[in-house]
């Protein structure tokens, strides 16, 4: 019989294996919540889809609610970070229109690239119990504040009229961007084209433009 020292084991450290399993659970859960909604997913179903025993899930998450909060927060944080990085890469003298179009494009790119997490966020947040929503509010409010600051900066740079309701503008814009999860089809045009169309509507609206003199 082989000695304990010669029994084959994974080369990966225990912590990294545990983290890999935790990530697999999150990825599987995000997909299931996206497909089935909050009530349609159980910890047992998540464990089975992740190739784990139901009891093993509690090593990583102590409840379904804790798992959902992490998925909700991760989806928002990823989009938030993408928008801040894209905007911070702009020249200091970028105009307000460029500022907002860049933020719109970054939001859409991140939203659609991480669609399981972001779709789960959009679909599940309103279905989740009130305690779950409260635990996720801080991350959501931080991202709302990011857009409030972007819109205020665009207004200060002359891209938005002085009497515009910036809170209403943020709600309208983010609602439209997030809704693209339900219908966006890459074969009909890329994210950059979609961002440009949204920006055009933002700046020019739906009313006919005055005819050239």
Foldseek 3Di string as FASTA:
>chain_A
DDDPVPDDDDPDDPVVVVVVLLVLLLLQVLQCCLVQNDVRDDLCNSQVVSVHHSVVVCVNPVGSLRSLLVLLLVLLVQLLVQLVVQLVPDPPPDALLVNVLSSLLSNLVSCQVSVSSNSSNVRHLVVDDPVSVVSNVVSVVVSLVVQLVSVVVNVVRPQDPPPDDSSVVSVVSVVVSSCCSVPDDCVVDHSSVVSVVSSCCVRPNDDDDDDDD
